[in-house]
Amino acid sequence: MGDPINLIPAIQLIIALLFWEMSKYLIRFLLGRTIGADNVSRADCEMHQEKIQMELHAIKGILLAVAMESGIKADQLQGLTK
């Protein structure tokens, strides 16, 4: 069997790695409760993405209507619709 003095750095490294992993899990646990980060399903994510796209489309339409009412020329409106 090897010299026990050579095992000390290996044991210290294992303890450091265990401490590192435990601290990562503890931070995730505490921050997850702080910011309310729950696991979100793909369907929920797609639903929210569609909702945001509809809202952005409505905002874009309102801004375009305001631009038309304020007298912006037709060639400038084409640039605004992109």
Protein backbone atom coordinates (compact mmCIF):
# COMPACT_ATOMS: atom_id res chain seq x y z
CA MET A 1 0.00 0.00 0.00
CA GLY A 2 1.14 3.52 -0.75
CA ASP A 3 2.41 6.11 1.62
CA PRO A 4 -0.51 7.73 3.61
CA ILE A 5 1.03 11.18 3.06
CA ASN A 6 0.22 10.87 -0.68
CA LEU A 7 -3.47 10.28 0.10
CA ILE A 8 -3.95 13.59 1.90
CA PRO A 9 -4.12 15.77 -1.27
CA ALA A 10 -6.52 13.29 -2.88
CA ILE A 11 -8.80 13.36 0.17
CA GLN A 12 -8.65 17.17 0.24
CA LEU A 13 -9.59 17.27 -3.44
CA ILE A 14 -12.56 14.94 -2.90
CA ILE A 15 -13.77 17.03 0.04
CA ALA A 16 -13.41 20.24 -2.02
CA LEU A 17 -15.38 18.73 -4.90
CA LEU A 18 -18.13 17.55 -2.55
CA PHE A 19 -18.30 21.01 -0.97
CA TRP A 20 -18.46 22.60 -4.44
CA GLU A 21 -21.32 20.36 -5.60
CA MET A 22 -23.27 20.79 -2.37
CA SER A 23 -22.89 24.58 -2.54
CA LYS A 24 -24.18 24.59 -6.15
CA TYR A 25 -27.28 22.61 -5.14
CA LEU A 26 -27.84 24.85 -2.11
CA ILE A 27 -27.60 28.01 -4.23
CA ARG A 28 -30.02 26.58 -6.80
CA PHE A 29 -32.41 25.62 -4.03
CA LEU A 30 -32.31 29.02 -2.33
CA LEU A 31 -32.41 31.09 -5.51
CA GLY A 32 -35.15 28.90 -6.94
CA ARG A 33 -37.33 29.82 -3.99
CA THR A 34 -36.32 33.47 -4.22
CA ILE A 35 -37.10 34.03 -7.88
CA GLY A 36 -39.85 31.41 -8.12
CA ALA A 37 -38.11 29.42 -10.82
CA ASP A 38 -40.11 26.27 -11.32
CA ASN A 39 -39.64 23.77 -14.07
CA VAL A 40 -41.64 25.01 -17.05
CA SER A 41 -42.91 22.55 -19.59
CA ARG A 42 -42.36 23.02 -23.30
CA ALA A 43 -46.10 23.48 -23.86
CA ASP A 44 -46.21 26.30 -21.28
CA CYS A 45 -43.23 27.96 -22.92
CA GLU A 46 -44.81 27.75 -26.39
CA MET A 47 -48.12 29.10 -25.04
CA HIS A 48 -46.38 32.12 -23.51
CA GLN A 49 -44.38 32.67 -26.68
CA GLU A 50 -47.56 32.72 -28.78
CA LYS A 51 -49.17 35.13 -26.31
CA ILE A 52 -46.18 37.47 -26.52
CA GLN A 53 -46.20 37.31 -30.32
CA MET A 54 -49.90 38.24 -30.41
CA GLU A 55 -49.29 41.17 -28.05
CA LEU A 56 -46.34 42.37 -30.12
CA HIS A 57 -48.44 42.12 -33.28
CA ALA A 58 -51.16 44.24 -31.65
CA ILE A 59 -48.62 46.84 -30.52
CA LYS A 60 -47.11 46.93 -33.99
CA GLY A 61 -50.56 47.50 -35.49
CA ILE A 62 -51.30 50.34 -33.09
CA LEU A 63 -47.97 52.00 -33.82
CA LEU A 64 -48.56 51.66 -37.55
CA ALA A 65 -52.01 53.24 -37.20
CA VAL A 66 -50.52 56.12 -35.22
CA ALA A 67 -47.84 56.58 -37.87
CA MET A 68 -50.46 56.69 -40.63
CA GLU A 69 -52.56 59.23 -38.71
CA SER A 70 -49.55 61.45 -38.10
CA GLY A 71 -48.94 61.79 -41.84
CA ILE A 72 -45.91 59.62 -42.49
CA LYS A 73 -45.38 59.00 -46.21
CA ALA A 74 -46.07 55.61 -47.80
CA ASP A 75 -42.42 54.88 -48.61
CA GLN A 76 -41.48 55.46 -44.97
CA LEU A 77 -44.33 53.17 -43.80
CA GLN A 78 -42.77 50.26 -45.66
CA GLY A 79 -39.67 50.61 -43.52
CA LEU A 80 -41.78 50.75 -40.37
CA THR A 81 -43.63 47.51 -41.08
CA LYS A 82 -40.46 45.39 -40.89
